[in-house]
Every structure is written in C-alpha cells, then in structure tokens.
Amino acid sequence: MKKYDVIVIGAGHNGLTNAAFLAKAGLDVLVLEKNEYIGGATVSRELHAGWKYSNCSYVCSLFRPEIYQALDLGRHGLEVIPLQGSTTFMQNGDYFGSYHQPTVRRREIARHCKRDADAAIRFDADLLKWCRLIRGFLLRTPPDPASLKLRDALEFAYLIKQFHGLSESQIYEFIRFFTMSIAEYLEEYFESDVILAHFSGGSIIGTGLGVYSPGTAYVLLHHAMGDVDGNLGSWGFSRGGMGAIAQSIASSFLSFGGEIRNQSEVQQIRVKARTALGVVLASGEEIDSQVVVSNLDAKRTFLEVMDRKDLPEDLLHRAKNFKIRGSSGKVNIALDGLPEFSALPKGSPLTLGHMHFTDTLARLEHAYDDWKDNHWSIDPYVDTLIPSQFDPTLAPPGKHMMSVFVQYCPYDLEGGWTNEKRDAFGETVINQIAKYSPDFKDMILHTEVRTPQEIENEIGLTEGNIFQGELTLDQLMFNRPFPGYAQYRGPVKNMYMCSSSSHPGGGVMGAPGANSAREILKDFGRDNTVPEDFGDD
C-alpha cells in the first residue's frame, strides 16, 4: 500500500490551493473528495440542459492575486471579467446606481442627496485605508499571543509596524470599526435611506447577523478588500462560472504531479500516539500518509472526522460552541431571454452588475427578524446577477442564467424543511424580483433552489454557512478558529487545517489554504513555495 507525503481532505478551492503549493514543493500529495466533482462551493454544474450554474459561490474578488501568479492559473485557464457597477431598486419606482466611473457615481449619489455625494468621498477614502491595512495580514500566519517563540514576537512586531503610521484617533477609529454595526457606521457618513441600504448589503451576506448587529461593519470590509486586475474593491466573474477557479487550481496541482480521487469520502483521521497516520474512507479503505490536512470546517474536522479520544476536552468544547450558523439560500434560474427592469432605461449598464431590491435599513432588519423567528425572509435581501451577459459559456445563444444569493434563510426552519417549503422559499425570491421586472416570470425556464440544508448535504458546509464560521471579532485572527489553534496546526502531530474556518476566513480567497501550506513546508524543512504578505507598504 502506497504511503503519501500528504493527504488533503476536501477538494474545495482552499484544499486544492494547499495541495498545489505542497506538490509544487515536491511533496507527493493526494486530495480526497467525497463528491464526483471537485470545487466544493466553488463549482459550476449543468443542472439544466444547456445552462451552467455557479450553483453556490457566484462572484470573484477575494481570490489572492499572489496565489494566481504563483500557481500560474492564467496558463491553466482562469480568466476573471470585472463587473460593472451595482444598483438598488426602490419601492417608489426609482433606483440608485453605483457606477465604477467616479464622476458618474458622484452625480448619481447627488441625485438622491447632495450631502451624501461629498460624504461618499470621505467614506471611500476611509474604507480604502482600512482595506490596505488589513490586506497585509491575509497571507500571513497570525501570531500566538500566549507564545514566547521568536517567530510570534516578530509577527507581533510586524503588526505594530503596520499600525505605527496611524494617529491615535485613527487607532481608536479602527477599534470602533471592528465592533460597530454596519448601519451605525454608515449613518456617520450618509443620510439617504437607499444609499444606506445599498452599502449595508455587503455586511450581511453569508452571516447570521443584521444591519444593526455589532461587528457587521467588518464584514463589509471583508467583502471590500478584494480586487480584480489591481482595482481594489472590484468584483468579477470567472469565465465558465466559479468552477473555473477550482478547475484551474486543480490543473496546476496535477501539473506538479498531484493526485485527486473523487467519490472518496473520509470517515476518520487515523491517530496513534498523538500522531496522524492517514485516513479511513467511508468505504473502509485505509490510506497512509505522513501528513493529514483538513479542508473541512472546524466543527466537521473535530466533531466528525476525528475520534474524540484524540482531542483535548477544551478543544471539544470550543468546537461545539464555534459560531457557524446557516443564514443564506441560493436560487439559480435559467432564462429564455434578458428580462427588463421597469426603473432602468433600456440597455442600462446597471444590469451588468449586482442588482438588489431592498431600499431601507428597516426592510433589511425586518428580513433578519424573520430569520431569528426560524423562517425565511418574507421580504428578502437578494444579490442578483446575470453573468451570461459577460460569459456566453453559461447559457445557449440568446438565453441567460441568473444567480440569486438570498438573505435570510434559516437552517433550522420552524417545523422543518420539506420540498414544498423549499419551493415556497424559491417562489418568495422570484416574487421579490418580479415586482421590479414585469417580464421576468414569463422568461423562467428552470429554477434550482438551495436552502442551507441542501448546501450542507451536498458540499459539507455546516449549516450551509459560506464562511465556515461567523466573521466576528471573537473568531478572527489568532481567535480563528480557536485560541491556540490559529496557526493551522491541529491538536495532534502532523495534522493541519486549511479551510475557511482558519485565518483569514471565508470567501473564495485561497489564503487559508496557502498559509497552511507555508506552515507545513516550514515544519518539514521544505523550500517555501507560498507567497507571503502582499501589503501596500
């Protein structure tokens, strides 16, 4: 029986990124995936003949350019097309459009509130300042505050250096930013209801929090610090759907001699004498390796694929209490043509970007109230895109594919989920869009509706949580996933973690996978193939 250098559990984009860097360094790496396809949530699937859905993750921005370059993903087929603006439709028949062109954007903000047009300049500058600061920590391993090791002391020195250029008031402002709600933060800048609602949306996507919940201001920053082609804060589509990201990483990995096995679900990580020895598959097959890396979330890693006798009691307690709540749904729609939106002029470029239909903070908070009552939002916040306008590979000629990400949808629905309730949830989302597009319903050829339960069952994300753990201050940096385990090493020797439950968190970023690979190579004295720190200093 062959013994591998490394086994990576899960062929999501972080697992593949981790495996690719390890294989690039010369290690013999096997990736095990339970599904018949790779990518996890970063996947494109033909679930309706002729249409290709990005049926889970749906837009690209956070993926680190250093990883793209180090793995030569362009040569392996990855192409990202920038989005063009975004819009929020209003109940009074008007709309707010956020354009990329600064002068047009300023004019549009002034159309709703002249004071907000001036405030937007200050808001953009402040947000950019925090983005530049945080970006420098994404491809670094967090220091351990309880450690006396030199490397941790040096990492703390790096943190202090990054903050050294801030004034005293800016430091206080930064600390407030991490603890504030997005509504209260934005109200320090803007007055217009629709502008407040428009910029709040990014802070509730994928999280079990509302716009007035403390900590949601940071979630906005998490979404804003990505880039496409060097344009900070921009978003884009990967040509061929989001699965193209996973496919390109897998192609790079295979080019370094790696191996992927589909339909190979891992049942348990084998441990003896406090050392990981390999894995046992659901089929009963045992595979040996020197290192085991889990790309599963923290709960699944420690509560499902590890024997509890191999874990410290305090770790079990932390894993059980790790916040990882399902709050999002997804609806993918095959369309017979391009729907029109009554508020927009024909041919408006705003249909090329994100479209939202919730125009006040009160409506956003009421949507959250429904979730707290264990029901899907009756008036949901939806992030709607029609990527087939950019990418003809997603639908037949003249047809289109619509992706709809939905807040809020509970994992534990009152009375339990049934097929009928799932369809009713999807109908609620469709009705939300149809209020603003008179021909939308007539164009629907097929819909695929996903609640958090479908997402969990298929992909393995606990409760369908897209970040694999809430992005709150108690679960960030050296607290992610738990204090003492933020440096990608598990509780037994030769066992590591690389999922979004680790620093710097969720989104299609690749950073947790890359950072974990760097630590593994460091422990085994291999040459480092992983980029580190792309700060703007």
Protein backbone atom coordinates (compact mmCIF):
# COMPACT_ATOMS: atom_id res chain seq x y z
CA MET A 1 0.00 0.00 0.00
CA LYS A 2 1.41 3.36 -1.06
CA LYS A 3 2.12 5.94 1.63
CA TYR A 4 1.68 9.58 0.57
CA ASP A 5 3.56 12.53 1.95
CA VAL A 6 0.29 14.46 2.38
CA ILE A 7 -3.43 13.73 2.25
CA VAL A 8 -5.75 16.73 1.89
CA ILE A 9 -9.38 16.12 2.87
CA GLY A 10 -11.74 18.01 0.56
CA ALA A 11 -11.24 19.39 -2.96
CA GLY A 12 -12.66 22.82 -2.29
CA HIS A 13 -10.62 25.75 -3.54
CA ASN A 14 -8.65 26.05 -0.26
CA GLY A 15 -7.86 22.33 -0.20
CA LEU A 16 -6.71 22.46 -3.81
CA THR A 17 -4.63 25.59 -3.16
CA ASN A 18 -2.97 23.92 -0.19
CA ALA A 19 -2.28 20.76 -2.20
CA ALA A 20 -0.91 22.69 -5.19
CA PHE A 21 1.69 24.56 -3.13
CA LEU A 22 2.75 21.37 -1.37
CA ALA A 23 3.05 19.49 -4.66
CA LYS A 24 4.97 22.41 -6.14
CA ALA A 25 7.50 21.97 -3.32
CA GLY A 26 7.99 18.34 -4.37
CA LEU A 27 5.70 16.52 -1.94
CA ASP A 28 3.59 13.53 -3.01
CA VAL A 29 0.05 14.81 -2.37
CA LEU A 30 -3.36 13.10 -2.59
CA VAL A 31 -6.61 15.09 -2.44
CA LEU A 32 -9.71 13.14 -1.38
CA GLU A 33 -13.15 14.45 -2.36
CA LYS A 34 -16.49 12.92 -1.38
CA ASN A 35 -18.37 14.21 -4.46
CA GLU A 36 -18.00 13.13 -8.07
CA TYR A 37 -16.87 16.69 -8.90
CA ILE A 38 -14.26 18.99 -7.38
CA GLY A 39 -14.54 22.57 -6.11
CA GLY A 40 -16.81 22.28 -3.08
CA ALA A 41 -18.81 25.53 -3.11
CA THR A 42 -16.60 26.87 -5.92
CA VAL A 43 -18.26 24.85 -8.63
CA SER A 44 -20.05 25.12 -11.99
CA ARG A 45 -22.62 22.46 -12.80
CA GLU A 46 -25.04 21.83 -15.65
CA LEU A 47 -28.19 21.19 -13.64
CA HIS A 48 -30.44 22.18 -16.56
CA ALA A 49 -29.52 21.08 -20.07
CA GLY A 50 -27.53 23.79 -21.84
CA TRP A 51 -27.15 26.03 -18.78
CA LYS A 52 -24.15 26.10 -16.47
CA TYR A 53 -24.88 27.34 -12.95
CA SER A 54 -22.43 28.72 -10.42
CA ASN A 55 -24.75 26.98 -8.06
CA CYS A 56 -23.10 28.01 -4.76
CA SER A 57 -20.41 30.72 -4.78
CA TYR A 58 -21.17 33.14 -7.58
CA VAL A 59 -18.73 36.04 -7.82
CA CYS A 60 -14.96 36.50 -7.60
CA SER A 61 -12.95 39.25 -5.92
CA LEU A 62 -11.23 37.98 -2.80
CA PHE A 63 -9.04 35.38 -4.53
CA ARG A 64 -5.48 36.47 -3.88
CA PRO A 65 -3.55 37.66 -6.95
CA GLU A 66 -0.29 36.33 -5.47
CA ILE A 67 -1.76 32.83 -5.49
CA TYR A 68 -2.97 33.32 -9.06
CA GLN A 69 0.56 34.26 -10.11
CA ALA A 70 2.45 31.67 -8.03
CA LEU A 71 0.33 28.80 -9.41
CA ASP A 72 0.25 30.29 -12.93
CA LEU A 73 -3.53 30.00 -13.03
CA GLY A 74 -3.85 32.08 -16.19
CA ARG A 75 -1.97 29.37 -18.07
CA HIS A 76 -4.37 26.85 -16.57
CA GLY A 77 -7.40 28.66 -17.94
CA LEU A 78 -8.57 31.11 -15.26
CA GLU A 79 -9.96 34.37 -16.65
CA VAL A 80 -11.81 36.91 -14.46
CA ILE A 81 -14.09 39.51 -16.06
CA PRO A 82 -14.73 42.69 -13.98
CA LEU A 83 -18.31 43.58 -13.05
CA GLN A 84 -19.82 46.93 -13.99
CA GLY A 85 -21.41 48.68 -11.01
CA SER A 86 -24.48 47.76 -8.96
CA THR A 87 -27.98 49.02 -8.32
CA THR A 88 -30.72 49.05 -5.71
CA PHE A 89 -34.31 49.31 -6.91
CA MET A 90 -36.68 51.41 -4.84
CA GLN A 91 -40.32 50.80 -3.98
CA ASN A 92 -41.29 54.20 -5.40
CA GLY A 93 -40.18 53.15 -8.90
CA ASP A 94 -36.79 54.90 -8.77
CA TYR A 95 -33.34 53.31 -8.33
CA PHE A 96 -29.87 54.05 -7.01
CA GLY A 97 -26.99 53.10 -9.30
CA SER A 98 -23.44 52.75 -8.05
CA TYR A 99 -21.14 53.17 -11.04
CA HIS A 100 -17.41 52.50 -11.29
CA GLN A 101 -16.76 55.81 -13.04
CA PRO A 102 -16.18 58.32 -10.19
CA THR A 103 -17.88 61.32 -11.80
CA VAL A 104 -20.96 59.34 -12.83
CA ARG A 105 -21.14 57.73 -9.38
CA ARG A 106 -20.90 61.11 -7.66
CA ARG A 107 -23.65 62.55 -9.87
CA GLU A 108 -25.92 59.60 -9.08
CA ILE A 109 -25.36 59.92 -5.31
CA ALA A 110 -26.06 63.67 -5.54
CA ARG A 111 -29.34 62.89 -7.35
CA HIS A 112 -30.50 61.28 -4.11
CA CYS A 113 -28.68 63.50 -1.59
CA LYS A 114 -26.16 66.25 -2.32
CA ARG A 115 -24.55 65.96 1.12
CA ASP A 116 -24.08 62.21 0.60
CA ALA A 117 -22.12 62.91 -2.59
CA ASP A 118 -19.50 64.71 -0.51
CA ALA A 119 -19.69 62.11 2.26
CA ALA A 120 -19.03 59.32 -0.25
CA ILE A 121 -15.55 60.73 -0.96
CA ARG A 122 -14.70 60.54 2.73
CA PHE A 123 -16.30 57.08 3.05
CA ASP A 124 -14.35 55.67 0.10
CA ALA A 125 -11.07 57.06 1.45
CA ASP A 126 -11.66 55.66 4.95
CA LEU A 127 -12.71 52.24 3.66
CA LEU A 128 -9.69 52.10 1.34
CA LYS A 129 -7.43 52.95 4.29
CA TRP A 130 -8.71 50.00 6.32
CA CYS A 131 -8.63 47.70 3.30
CA ARG A 132 -4.96 48.47 2.66
CA LEU A 133 -4.16 47.87 6.31
CA ILE A 134 -5.98 44.53 6.59
CA ARG A 135 -4.81 43.17 3.22
CA GLY A 136 -1.27 42.99 4.52
CA PHE A 137 -2.32 40.36 7.08
CA LEU A 138 -4.21 37.98 4.78
CA LEU A 139 -1.25 35.94 3.58
CA ARG A 140 0.45 35.82 6.97
CA THR A 141 0.10 33.38 9.84
CA PRO A 142 -1.40 35.06 12.94
CA PRO A 143 0.88 35.30 15.98
CA ASP A 144 0.02 33.38 19.12
CA PRO A 145 -0.45 35.91 21.96
CA ALA A 146 0.40 33.25 24.57
CA SER A 147 3.62 32.14 22.88
CA LEU A 148 7.16 33.12 23.81
CA LYS A 149 8.59 31.93 20.49
CA LEU A 150 10.71 34.34 18.48
CA ARG A 151 8.55 33.97 15.37
CA ASP A 152 5.46 35.10 17.29
CA ALA A 153 7.33 38.04 18.76
CA LEU A 154 8.47 39.03 15.26
CA GLU A 155 4.93 38.72 13.94
CA PHE A 156 3.64 40.99 16.69
CA ALA A 157 6.41 43.42 15.78
CA TYR A 158 5.12 43.35 12.19
CA LEU A 159 1.60 44.13 13.41
CA ILE A 160 2.85 47.04 15.48
CA LYS A 161 4.80 48.34 12.50
CA GLN A 162 1.67 48.36 10.34
CA PHE A 163 -0.24 50.34 12.95
CA HIS A 164 2.67 52.68 13.69
CA GLY A 165 1.70 55.02 10.87
CA LEU A 166 -1.79 55.58 12.28
CA SER A 167 -2.60 58.52 14.50
CA GLU A 168 -4.10 57.99 17.94
CA SER A 169 -7.56 58.93 16.68
CA GLN A 170 -7.23 56.54 13.74
CA ILE A 171 -6.34 53.65 16.06
CA TYR A 172 -9.44 54.35 18.16
CA GLU A 173 -11.47 54.60 14.97
CA PHE A 174 -10.13 51.25 13.74
CA ILE A 175 -11.06 49.51 17.00
CA ARG A 176 -14.56 51.01 16.82
CA PHE A 177 -14.88 49.81 13.24
CA PHE A 178 -14.47 46.17 14.31
CA THR A 179 -17.17 46.45 16.96
CA MET A 180 -19.79 48.64 15.24
CA SER A 181 -22.87 47.63 13.30
CA ILE A 182 -22.83 48.50 9.62
CA ALA A 183 -25.94 50.65 10.00
CA GLU A 184 -24.42 52.82 12.73
CA TYR A 185 -21.11 53.04 10.85
CA LEU A 186 -22.74 54.19 7.61
CA GLU A 187 -25.01 56.63 9.41
CA GLU A 188 -21.86 58.55 10.34
CA TYR A 189 -21.49 59.29 6.62
CA PHE A 190 -24.81 59.10 4.78
CA GLU A 191 -28.40 60.36 5.11
CA SER A 192 -30.30 58.83 2.19
CA ASP A 193 -32.25 55.68 3.03
CA VAL A 194 -31.47 53.94 -0.25
CA ILE A 195 -27.76 54.74 -0.08
CA LEU A 196 -27.58 53.43 3.48
CA ALA A 197 -29.35 50.24 2.42
CA HIS A 198 -27.21 49.83 -0.71
CA PHE A 199 -23.89 49.97 1.12
CA SER A 200 -25.18 47.85 4.04
CA GLY A 201 -25.92 44.77 1.94
CA GLY A 202 -22.34 43.53 1.76
CA SER A 203 -22.21 43.31 5.56
CA ILE A 204 -24.99 40.78 5.95
CA ILE A 205 -24.19 38.44 3.05
CA GLY A 206 -23.42 34.99 4.43
CA THR A 207 -23.73 35.93 8.08
CA GLY A 208 -26.30 35.33 10.80
CA LEU A 209 -26.35 38.98 11.79
CA GLY A 210 -28.47 42.01 10.91
CA VAL A 211 -27.54 45.51 9.85
CA TYR A 212 -27.81 46.74 13.46
CA SER A 213 -25.78 43.82 14.90
CA PRO A 214 -22.37 44.76 16.36
CA GLY A 215 -19.48 43.51 14.22
CA THR A 216 -21.17 43.77 10.83
CA ALA A 217 -19.07 46.77 9.81
CA TYR A 218 -16.06 44.45 9.50
CA VAL A 219 -17.98 42.07 7.22
CA LEU A 220 -18.30 44.98 4.76
CA LEU A 221 -14.52 45.38 4.89
CA HIS A 222 -14.05 41.64 4.33
CA HIS A 223 -16.03 41.93 1.10
CA ALA A 224 -14.43 45.20 0.03
CA MET A 225 -10.73 44.30 0.29
CA GLY A 226 -10.55 42.08 -2.78
CA ASP A 227 -9.59 43.23 -6.25
CA VAL A 228 -9.78 42.39 -9.93
CA ASP A 229 -6.82 43.37 -12.11
CA GLY A 230 -5.47 45.54 -9.29
CA ASN A 231 -8.70 47.52 -8.83
CA LEU A 232 -9.30 47.41 -5.08
CA GLY A 233 -12.90 46.64 -4.12
CA SER A 234 -13.84 45.40 -7.60
CA TRP A 235 -15.71 42.16 -8.27
CA GLY A 236 -15.69 39.88 -11.26
CA PHE A 237 -16.98 36.74 -12.94
CA SER A 238 -14.71 33.82 -13.69
CA ARG A 239 -15.30 32.73 -17.28
CA GLY A 240 -17.00 29.33 -17.22
CA GLY A 241 -18.56 30.01 -13.83
CA MET A 242 -16.98 29.81 -10.39
CA GLY A 243 -15.96 26.22 -11.03
CA ALA A 244 -13.30 27.58 -13.37
CA ILE A 245 -11.36 28.72 -10.29
CA ALA A 246 -11.26 25.24 -8.77
CA GLN A 247 -10.56 23.65 -12.15
CA SER A 248 -7.57 25.92 -12.80
CA ILE A 249 -6.09 25.25 -9.35
CA ALA A 250 -6.62 21.52 -9.85
CA SER A 251 -4.92 21.72 -13.24
CA SER A 252 -1.94 23.47 -11.64
CA PHE A 253 -1.86 20.86 -8.87
CA LEU A 254 -1.93 17.97 -11.34
CA SER A 255 0.87 19.59 -13.35
CA PHE A 256 3.07 19.29 -10.23
CA GLY A 257 2.34 15.57 -10.02
CA GLY A 258 -0.58 15.67 -7.56
CA GLU A 259 -3.43 13.16 -7.44
CA ILE A 260 -7.18 13.70 -6.92
CA ARG A 261 -9.62 10.95 -6.01
CA ASN A 262 -13.34 11.71 -6.29
CA GLN A 263 -16.12 9.81 -4.52
CA SER A 264 -13.70 9.14 -1.66
CA GLU A 265 -15.34 10.43 1.49
CA VAL A 266 -13.11 10.46 4.56
CA GLN A 267 -14.72 8.92 7.61
CA GLN A 268 -11.91 9.35 10.10
CA ILE A 269 -8.40 10.70 10.56
CA ARG A 270 -6.29 7.84 11.95
CA VAL A 271 -4.26 8.78 15.02
CA LYS A 272 -1.78 6.77 17.07
CA ALA A 273 0.45 8.03 19.86
CA ARG A 274 -0.81 11.59 19.28
CA THR A 275 0.32 11.48 15.64
CA ALA A 276 -1.82 11.47 12.47
CA LEU A 277 -1.05 8.40 10.34
CA GLY A 278 -3.56 8.72 7.50
CA VAL A 279 -7.29 8.37 6.93
CA VAL A 280 -10.08 5.82 6.76
CA LEU A 281 -12.60 6.23 3.93
CA ALA A 282 -16.34 5.60 4.22
CA SER A 283 -15.71 2.51 2.09
CA GLY A 284 -13.43 1.15 4.81
CA GLU A 285 -10.22 1.67 2.81
CA GLU A 286 -7.25 2.94 4.80
CA ILE A 287 -4.68 5.27 3.23
CA ASP A 288 -1.41 6.12 4.95
CA SER A 289 0.34 9.48 4.86
CA GLN A 290 2.92 11.44 6.76
CA VAL A 291 0.65 14.50 6.98
CA VAL A 292 -3.14 14.94 7.01
CA VAL A 293 -4.68 18.32 6.16
CA SER A 294 -8.39 19.00 6.75
CA ASN A 295 -10.21 21.39 4.43
CA LEU A 296 -13.42 20.71 6.35
CA ASP A 297 -14.83 23.37 8.65
CA ALA A 298 -13.83 23.37 12.31
CA LYS A 299 -16.95 21.60 13.52
CA ARG A 300 -16.73 18.77 10.97
CA THR A 301 -12.99 18.40 11.47
CA PHE A 302 -13.08 17.99 15.24
CA LEU A 303 -16.57 16.62 15.86
CA GLU A 304 -16.95 14.24 12.92
CA VAL A 305 -13.69 13.01 11.32
CA MET A 306 -11.55 12.91 14.45
CA ASP A 307 -12.08 10.47 17.31
CA ARG A 308 -12.95 12.44 20.41
CA LYS A 309 -10.47 10.48 22.49
CA ASP A 310 -7.72 12.07 20.38
CA LEU A 311 -8.84 15.59 21.28
CA PRO A 312 -8.31 17.74 24.39
CA GLU A 313 -11.52 18.39 26.30
CA ASP A 314 -11.23 22.16 25.91
CA LEU A 315 -10.95 21.80 22.12
CA LEU A 316 -14.12 19.72 22.00
CA HIS A 317 -15.89 22.41 23.99
CA ARG A 318 -14.67 25.17 21.64
CA ALA A 319 -15.62 23.20 18.53
CA LYS A 320 -19.15 22.64 19.83
CA ASN A 321 -19.53 26.37 20.54
CA PHE A 322 -17.92 27.63 17.33
CA LYS A 323 -20.41 30.04 15.71
CA ILE A 324 -21.28 28.69 12.29
CA ARG A 325 -24.93 29.48 11.59
CA GLY A 326 -26.82 28.92 8.37
CA SER A 327 -28.46 32.12 7.11
CA SER A 328 -28.24 32.07 3.31
CA GLY A 329 -30.02 30.46 0.40
CA LYS A 330 -29.35 30.36 -3.32
CA VAL A 331 -31.63 30.32 -6.36
CA ASN A 332 -30.25 29.67 -9.85
CA ILE A 333 -32.52 30.46 -12.79
CA ALA A 334 -32.40 29.60 -16.49
CA LEU A 335 -33.99 32.40 -18.54
CA ASP A 336 -35.41 32.42 -22.05
CA GLY A 337 -34.01 35.92 -22.61
CA LEU A 338 -32.82 39.03 -20.81
CA PRO A 339 -35.52 40.46 -18.51
CA GLU A 340 -36.24 44.17 -18.42
CA PHE A 341 -36.41 46.23 -15.23
CA SER A 342 -39.03 48.97 -15.23
CA ALA A 343 -36.94 51.54 -13.36
CA LEU A 344 -33.93 51.31 -15.70
CA PRO A 345 -33.57 52.77 -19.18
CA LYS A 346 -33.35 50.10 -21.87
CA GLY A 347 -29.74 48.95 -22.28
CA SER A 348 -28.66 50.35 -18.92
CA PRO A 349 -25.19 49.12 -17.90
CA LEU A 350 -26.51 48.60 -14.37
CA THR A 351 -27.96 45.22 -15.38
CA LEU A 352 -24.35 44.09 -15.85
CA GLY A 353 -23.66 44.24 -12.11
CA HIS A 354 -25.25 43.38 -8.76
CA MET A 355 -28.98 44.12 -8.50
CA HIS A 356 -30.75 44.50 -5.15
CA PHE A 357 -34.37 45.15 -4.22
CA THR A 358 -34.26 46.29 -0.57
CA ASP A 359 -34.10 50.06 -0.25
CA THR A 360 -34.15 50.82 3.50
CA LEU A 361 -32.35 49.70 6.63
CA ALA A 362 -35.73 48.94 8.21
CA ARG A 363 -36.54 46.40 5.48
CA LEU A 364 -33.12 44.79 5.90
CA GLU A 365 -33.62 44.48 9.66
CA HIS A 366 -37.12 43.05 9.23
CA ALA A 367 -35.67 40.42 6.92
CA TYR A 368 -33.29 39.48 9.74
CA ASP A 369 -36.19 39.36 12.21
CA ASP A 370 -37.83 36.64 10.11
CA TRP A 371 -34.64 34.56 10.28
CA LYS A 372 -34.50 34.94 14.06
CA ASP A 373 -38.03 33.53 14.14
CA ASN A 374 -36.80 30.47 12.19
CA HIS A 375 -38.48 31.47 8.94
CA TRP A 376 -37.11 32.60 5.62
CA SER A 377 -37.40 36.34 4.99
CA ILE A 378 -40.77 37.29 3.56
CA ASP A 379 -39.15 40.42 2.09
CA PRO A 380 -35.64 39.03 1.47
CA TYR A 381 -32.42 40.79 0.61
CA VAL A 382 -31.19 39.31 -2.66
CA ASP A 383 -27.94 39.78 -4.56
CA THR A 384 -28.91 39.17 -8.18
CA LEU A 385 -26.56 38.80 -11.14
CA ILE A 386 -26.89 37.79 -14.79
CA PRO A 387 -23.31 36.69 -15.61
CA SER A 388 -24.28 35.24 -19.00
CA GLN A 389 -24.22 38.83 -20.30
CA PHE A 390 -20.43 38.61 -19.94
CA ASP A 391 -19.91 34.91 -20.37
CA PRO A 392 -21.63 33.10 -23.27
CA THR A 393 -20.41 29.71 -21.98
CA LEU A 394 -23.11 29.75 -19.29
CA ALA A 395 -26.24 29.61 -21.48
CA PRO A 396 -27.32 28.89 -25.07
CA PRO A 397 -27.28 31.81 -27.56
CA GLY A 398 -29.98 34.36 -26.75
CA LYS A 399 -30.64 32.78 -23.32
CA HIS A 400 -29.38 33.79 -19.89
CA MET A 401 -28.50 32.47 -16.45
CA MET A 402 -29.43 34.39 -13.31
CA SER A 403 -27.72 33.83 -9.95
CA VAL A 404 -29.61 34.93 -6.82
CA PHE A 405 -27.98 34.88 -3.37
CA VAL A 406 -30.53 35.27 -0.58
CA GLN A 407 -30.53 36.62 2.98
CA TYR A 408 -32.09 35.29 5.08
CA CYS A 409 -32.86 31.60 5.01
CA PRO A 410 -32.61 29.54 8.23
CA TYR A 411 -31.03 26.14 8.61
CA ASP A 412 -33.49 25.14 11.33
CA LEU A 413 -36.81 26.15 9.79
CA GLU A 414 -39.77 26.13 12.15
CA GLY A 415 -41.50 22.80 11.58
CA GLY A 416 -38.58 21.50 9.48
CA TRP A 417 -37.81 21.76 5.79
CA THR A 418 -39.85 19.90 3.17
CA ASN A 419 -39.73 20.02 -0.62
CA GLU A 420 -42.89 22.12 -0.57
CA LYS A 421 -41.37 24.64 1.85
CA ARG A 422 -38.17 24.79 -0.20
CA ASP A 423 -40.23 25.58 -3.32
CA ALA A 424 -42.19 28.23 -1.38
CA PHE A 425 -38.91 29.84 -0.35
CA GLY A 426 -37.84 29.94 -4.00
CA GLU A 427 -41.19 31.43 -5.01
CA THR A 428 -40.71 34.20 -2.41
CA VAL A 429 -37.40 35.10 -4.05
CA ILE A 430 -38.86 35.01 -7.56
CA ASN A 431 -41.76 37.25 -6.49
CA GLN A 432 -39.29 39.74 -5.00
CA ILE A 433 -37.56 40.15 -8.36
CA ALA A 434 -40.80 40.10 -10.37
CA LYS A 435 -42.06 43.22 -8.56
CA TYR A 436 -39.40 45.17 -10.45
CA SER A 437 -39.30 43.22 -13.73
CA PRO A 438 -42.70 42.68 -15.44
CA ASP A 439 -41.46 40.06 -17.93
CA PHE A 440 -39.19 38.15 -15.54
CA LYS A 441 -41.56 35.31 -14.59
CA ASP A 442 -42.52 34.64 -18.21
CA MET A 443 -38.85 34.05 -19.07
CA ILE A 444 -38.17 31.40 -16.41
CA LEU A 445 -37.36 28.00 -17.91
CA HIS A 446 -35.88 26.29 -14.85
CA THR A 447 -35.05 27.09 -11.23
CA GLU A 448 -32.75 25.38 -8.77
CA VAL A 449 -33.47 26.31 -5.14
CA ARG A 450 -30.97 25.70 -2.33
CA THR A 451 -31.63 26.15 1.36
CA PRO A 452 -28.82 25.84 3.93
CA GLN A 453 -29.73 22.17 4.29
CA GLU A 454 -29.13 21.45 0.59
CA ILE A 455 -25.83 23.31 0.77
CA GLU A 456 -24.75 21.34 3.85
CA ASN A 457 -25.80 17.96 2.49
CA GLU A 458 -24.09 18.36 -0.86
CA ILE A 459 -20.98 20.36 -0.09
CA GLY A 460 -20.39 19.66 3.59
CA LEU A 461 -20.57 23.25 4.86
CA THR A 462 -22.01 23.02 8.36
CA GLU A 463 -25.48 24.62 8.31
CA GLY A 464 -24.64 25.87 4.82
CA ASN A 465 -22.52 28.70 6.28
CA ILE A 466 -20.47 30.08 3.38
CA PHE A 467 -17.72 31.49 5.62
CA GLN A 468 -17.32 28.25 7.63
CA GLY A 469 -17.71 30.34 10.78
CA GLU A 470 -19.00 33.81 11.58
CA LEU A 471 -16.61 36.69 10.88
CA THR A 472 -16.96 38.29 14.30
CA LEU A 473 -14.12 39.69 16.38
CA ASP A 474 -14.09 36.65 18.69
CA GLN A 475 -13.49 34.42 15.63
CA LEU A 476 -10.85 36.42 13.72
CA MET A 477 -7.03 36.46 13.53
CA PHE A 478 -5.49 34.46 16.43
CA ASN A 479 -9.01 33.51 17.59
CA ARG A 480 -9.83 31.68 14.34
CA PRO A 481 -10.98 29.01 14.71
CA PHE A 482 -9.96 28.94 18.39
CA PRO A 483 -7.22 30.47 20.54
CA GLY A 484 -4.15 28.27 20.38
CA TYR A 485 -5.10 26.72 17.02
CA ALA A 486 -4.89 29.71 14.67
CA GLN A 487 -1.57 28.68 13.09
CA TYR A 488 -3.13 25.88 11.03
CA ARG A 489 -1.80 23.08 13.24
CA GLY A 490 -4.16 20.56 14.77
CA PRO A 491 -4.16 19.02 18.27
CA VAL A 492 -2.09 16.01 17.17
CA LYS A 493 1.25 15.88 15.38
CA ASN A 494 1.26 16.03 11.56
CA MET A 495 -2.38 17.14 11.38
CA TYR A 496 -3.20 20.56 9.89
CA MET A 497 -6.19 22.70 8.90
CA CYS A 498 -6.60 24.77 5.73
CA SER A 499 -10.30 25.64 5.46
CA SER A 500 -12.11 28.98 5.73
CA SER A 501 -12.62 28.22 9.42
CA SER A 502 -8.98 29.33 9.72
CA HIS A 503 -7.46 32.79 9.27
CA PRO A 504 -8.29 34.96 7.37
CA GLY A 505 -11.77 33.48 6.93
CA GLY A 506 -14.31 32.79 4.24
CA GLY A 507 -14.94 33.77 0.67
CA VAL A 508 -13.22 32.43 -2.43
CA MET A 509 -9.85 33.69 -1.23
CA GLY A 510 -7.37 30.81 -1.20
CA ALA A 511 -5.41 32.42 1.64
CA PRO A 512 -6.18 29.80 4.35
CA GLY A 513 -5.01 27.04 2.01
CA ALA A 514 -1.84 28.91 1.08
CA ASN A 515 -1.00 29.92 4.65
CA SER A 516 -1.45 26.36 5.88
CA ALA A 517 0.84 25.05 3.13
CA ARG A 518 3.53 27.52 4.21
CA GLU A 519 3.39 26.23 7.79
CA ILE A 520 3.57 22.60 6.66
CA LEU A 521 6.60 23.29 4.47
CA LYS A 522 8.24 25.17 7.33
CA ASP A 523 7.70 22.24 9.73
CA PHE A 524 9.18 19.76 7.27
CA GLY A 525 12.12 21.89 6.21
CA ARG A 526 10.98 22.24 2.61
CA ASP A 527 11.60 25.25 0.40
CA ASN A 528 8.75 27.72 0.71
CA THR A 529 6.68 27.97 -2.50
CA VAL A 530 3.96 30.16 -0.95
CA PRO A 531 3.77 33.96 -1.34
CA GLU A 532 3.66 35.91 1.93
CA ASP A 533 2.38 39.39 2.72
CA PHE A 534 1.21 41.50 -0.16
CA GLY A 535 0.72 44.66 1.88
CA ASP A 536 0.86 48.01 0.16
CA ASP A 537 3.83 49.44 2.02
